[in-house]
Amino acid sequence: MPYRQHRDDLLVPLPRRSSDARTAPHVDEVTTAHIPVLNVASADRLCRLHRVRGVCQNAITAIDAALDGHRQDGMQ
């Protein structure tokens, strides 16, 4: 996949807006486009790349805590 640069990057489908479907009649309203979603590993790489480690580290910590909380809720 040309848009997947790192093995840890995730890709998810994003539904197109219905207004997009109206402008292109051959496009079904439920068609999807792939967009990159940052996970903790790729967010960390991005932070190092842009040298904003302190700000990003807070965001990474918050994301990681939210994911851990979600995992624990699912296990109960």
N, C-alpha and C. Protein backbone atom coordinates (compact mmCIF):
# COMPACT_ATOMS: atom_id res chain seq x y z
N MET A 1 0.84 -1.18 0.00
CA MET A 1 0.00 0.00 0.00
C MET A 1 0.88 1.24 0.00
N PRO A 2 0.74 2.11 -0.95
CA PRO A 2 1.62 3.27 -1.03
C PRO A 2 1.44 4.27 0.10
N TYR A 3 0.29 4.29 0.75
CA TYR A 3 0.05 5.27 1.81
C TYR A 3 0.43 4.73 3.18
N ARG A 4 0.88 3.50 3.26
CA ARG A 4 1.28 2.92 4.53
C ARG A 4 2.80 2.91 4.60
N GLN A 5 3.37 3.83 5.37
CA GLN A 5 4.81 3.99 5.39
C GLN A 5 5.50 3.19 6.48
N HIS A 6 4.81 2.94 7.58
CA HIS A 6 5.41 2.22 8.70
C HIS A 6 4.54 1.04 9.06
N ARG A 7 5.15 0.00 9.50
CA ARG A 7 4.43 -1.23 9.82
C ARG A 7 3.42 -1.01 10.95
N ASP A 8 3.67 -0.06 11.86
CA ASP A 8 2.77 0.16 12.99
C ASP A 8 1.62 1.11 12.68
N ASP A 9 1.64 1.76 11.52
CA ASP A 9 0.56 2.69 11.18
C ASP A 9 -0.72 1.92 10.88
N LEU A 10 -1.83 2.48 11.30
CA LEU A 10 -3.12 1.85 11.08
C LEU A 10 -3.87 2.59 9.98
N LEU A 11 -4.71 1.88 9.28
CA LEU A 11 -5.54 2.50 8.25
C LEU A 11 -6.99 2.12 8.53
N VAL A 12 -7.87 3.09 8.42
CA VAL A 12 -9.29 2.82 8.63
C VAL A 12 -10.09 3.45 7.51
N PRO A 13 -11.22 2.86 7.17
CA PRO A 13 -12.07 3.46 6.15
C PRO A 13 -12.85 4.64 6.73
N LEU A 14 -13.06 5.65 5.93
CA LEU A 14 -13.83 6.82 6.33
C LEU A 14 -14.99 6.97 5.36
N PRO A 15 -16.23 6.94 5.84
CA PRO A 15 -17.36 7.10 4.92
C PRO A 15 -17.32 8.46 4.24
N ARG A 16 -17.68 8.48 2.97
CA ARG A 16 -17.74 9.75 2.26
C ARG A 16 -19.03 10.47 2.63
N ARG A 17 -18.98 11.79 2.56
CA ARG A 17 -20.19 12.57 2.82
C ARG A 17 -21.17 12.34 1.68
N SER A 18 -22.45 12.41 2.00
CA SER A 18 -23.46 12.19 0.96
C SER A 18 -23.37 13.27 -0.12
N SER A 19 -22.90 14.48 0.24
CA SER A 19 -22.76 15.54 -0.76
C SER A 19 -21.71 15.16 -1.80
N ASP A 20 -20.66 14.42 -1.40
CA ASP A 20 -19.66 13.95 -2.36
C ASP A 20 -20.28 12.96 -3.34
N ALA A 21 -21.16 12.12 -2.84
CA ALA A 21 -21.80 11.13 -3.71
C ALA A 21 -22.69 11.80 -4.74
N ARG A 22 -23.33 12.90 -4.37
CA ARG A 22 -24.20 13.60 -5.32
C ARG A 22 -23.41 14.22 -6.46
N THR A 23 -22.18 14.67 -6.19
CA THR A 23 -21.39 15.30 -7.25
C THR A 23 -20.80 14.26 -8.19
N ALA A 24 -20.70 13.03 -7.75
CA ALA A 24 -20.18 11.96 -8.60
C ALA A 24 -21.17 10.80 -8.55
N PRO A 25 -22.11 10.75 -9.49
CA PRO A 25 -23.19 9.75 -9.42
C PRO A 25 -22.69 8.31 -9.45
N HIS A 26 -21.51 8.07 -9.99
CA HIS A 26 -20.98 6.71 -10.03
C HIS A 26 -20.42 6.27 -8.68
N VAL A 27 -20.33 7.20 -7.72
CA VAL A 27 -19.78 6.88 -6.40
C VAL A 27 -20.92 6.54 -5.46
N ASP A 28 -20.86 5.38 -4.88
CA ASP A 28 -21.87 4.96 -3.92
C ASP A 28 -21.67 5.73 -2.62
N GLU A 29 -22.74 6.02 -1.91
CA GLU A 29 -22.63 6.80 -0.67
C GLU A 29 -21.82 6.09 0.40
N VAL A 30 -21.74 4.79 0.34
CA VAL A 30 -21.01 4.07 1.38
C VAL A 30 -19.58 3.74 0.99
N THR A 31 -19.10 4.28 -0.12
CA THR A 31 -17.70 4.03 -0.48
C THR A 31 -16.80 4.66 0.57
N THR A 32 -15.62 4.14 0.70
CA THR A 32 -14.71 4.61 1.74
C THR A 32 -13.38 5.05 1.15
N ALA A 33 -12.70 5.89 1.89
CA ALA A 33 -11.34 6.32 1.53
C ALA A 33 -10.45 5.95 2.70
N HIS A 34 -9.23 5.54 2.41
CA HIS A 34 -8.30 5.17 3.49
C HIS A 34 -7.59 6.41 4.01
N ILE A 35 -7.59 6.56 5.33
CA ILE A 35 -6.87 7.66 5.96
C ILE A 35 -5.95 7.07 7.03
N PRO A 36 -4.78 7.65 7.23
CA PRO A 36 -3.90 7.14 8.28
C PRO A 36 -4.40 7.54 9.66
N VAL A 37 -4.30 6.65 10.60
CA VAL A 37 -4.65 6.92 11.99
C VAL A 37 -3.41 6.67 12.83
N LEU A 38 -3.07 7.64 13.66
CA LEU A 38 -1.86 7.49 14.47
C LEU A 38 -2.10 6.55 15.63
N ASN A 39 -1.22 5.60 15.79
CA ASN A 39 -1.20 4.84 17.03
C ASN A 39 -0.04 5.38 17.86
N VAL A 40 0.21 4.82 19.01
CA VAL A 40 1.23 5.38 19.89
C VAL A 40 2.61 5.35 19.24
N ALA A 41 2.95 4.26 18.56
CA ALA A 41 4.28 4.16 17.95
C ALA A 41 4.48 5.17 16.84
N SER A 42 3.49 5.32 15.97
CA SER A 42 3.66 6.28 14.87
C SER A 42 3.55 7.72 15.37
N ALA A 43 2.76 7.96 16.42
CA ALA A 43 2.70 9.30 17.00
C ALA A 43 4.05 9.67 17.61
N ASP A 44 4.68 8.71 18.24
CA ASP A 44 6.00 8.96 18.82
C ASP A 44 7.02 9.31 17.74
N ARG A 45 7.00 8.59 16.62
CA ARG A 45 7.90 8.90 15.50
C ARG A 45 7.64 10.30 14.97
N LEU A 46 6.36 10.65 14.84
CA LEU A 46 5.99 11.98 14.34
C LEU A 46 6.49 13.07 15.28
N CYS A 47 6.36 12.85 16.58
CA CYS A 47 6.83 13.83 17.56
C CYS A 47 8.33 14.04 17.46
N ARG A 48 9.07 12.94 17.34
CA ARG A 48 10.52 13.06 17.22
C ARG A 48 10.90 13.78 15.94
N LEU A 49 10.17 13.51 14.88
CA LEU A 49 10.44 14.13 13.60
C LEU A 49 10.26 15.64 13.67
N HIS A 50 9.22 16.09 14.37
CA HIS A 50 8.92 17.51 14.44
C HIS A 50 9.47 18.21 15.67
N ARG A 51 10.22 17.49 16.48
CA ARG A 51 10.91 18.06 17.65
C ARG A 51 9.97 18.78 18.62
N VAL A 52 8.83 18.21 18.85
CA VAL A 52 7.88 18.78 19.81
C VAL A 52 7.57 17.72 20.87
N ARG A 53 8.60 17.08 21.30
CA ARG A 53 8.49 15.91 22.17
C ARG A 53 7.66 16.16 23.44
N GLY A 54 7.88 17.28 24.13
CA GLY A 54 7.16 17.51 25.39
C GLY A 54 5.66 17.57 25.22
N VAL A 55 5.21 18.30 24.24
CA VAL A 55 3.77 18.43 23.99
C VAL A 55 3.20 17.09 23.53
N CYS A 56 3.90 16.45 22.60
CA CYS A 56 3.42 15.18 22.08
C CYS A 56 3.42 14.09 23.14
N GLN A 57 4.40 14.11 24.01
CA GLN A 57 4.46 13.06 25.03
C GLN A 57 3.22 13.11 25.91
N ASN A 58 2.73 14.31 26.22
CA ASN A 58 1.50 14.42 26.99
C ASN A 58 0.33 13.81 26.23
N ALA A 59 0.26 14.07 24.93
CA ALA A 59 -0.82 13.51 24.12
C ALA A 59 -0.70 11.99 24.03
N ILE A 60 0.51 11.50 23.85
CA ILE A 60 0.72 10.05 23.76
C ILE A 60 0.32 9.39 25.08
N THR A 61 0.70 10.00 26.19
CA THR A 61 0.34 9.45 27.51
C THR A 61 -1.17 9.41 27.68
N ALA A 62 -1.85 10.47 27.25
CA ALA A 62 -3.31 10.51 27.36
C ALA A 62 -3.97 9.45 26.48
N ILE A 63 -3.47 9.31 25.26
CA ILE A 63 -4.01 8.30 24.34
C ILE A 63 -3.79 6.90 24.90
N ASP A 64 -2.59 6.66 25.39
CA ASP A 64 -2.26 5.34 25.95
C ASP A 64 -3.14 5.02 27.16
N ALA A 65 -3.35 6.01 28.03
CA ALA A 65 -4.20 5.80 29.21
C ALA A 65 -5.64 5.51 28.79
N ALA A 66 -6.12 6.23 27.78
CA ALA A 66 -7.49 6.01 27.31
C ALA A 66 -7.63 4.61 26.71
N LEU A 67 -6.63 4.19 25.95
CA LEU A 67 -6.66 2.85 25.38
C LEU A 67 -6.62 1.78 26.46
N ASP A 68 -5.78 1.98 27.48
CA ASP A 68 -5.71 1.02 28.58
C ASP A 68 -7.04 0.95 29.31
N GLY A 69 -7.67 2.11 29.55
CA GLY A 69 -8.97 2.13 30.21
C GLY A 69 -10.02 1.41 29.39
N HIS A 70 -9.98 1.59 28.08
CA HIS A 70 -10.94 0.93 27.19
C HIS A 70 -10.73 -0.58 27.21
N ARG A 71 -9.47 -1.01 27.21
CA ARG A 71 -9.17 -2.44 27.26
C ARG A 71 -9.66 -3.05 28.57
N GLN A 72 -9.44 -2.33 29.68
CA GLN A 72 -9.86 -2.85 30.98
C GLN A 72 -11.37 -2.91 31.08
N ASP A 73 -12.08 -1.92 30.52
CA ASP A 73 -13.55 -1.94 30.53
C ASP A 73 -14.07 -3.15 29.76
N GLY A 74 -13.41 -3.47 28.67
CA GLY A 74 -13.84 -4.60 27.85
C GLY A 74 -13.60 -5.94 28.51
N MET A 75 -12.65 -6.00 29.43
CA MET A 75 -12.30 -7.26 30.08
C MET A 75 -13.19 -7.55 31.28
N GLN A 76 -13.91 -6.56 31.78
CA GLN A 76 -14.73 -6.77 32.98
C GLN A 76 -16.06 -7.36 32.64
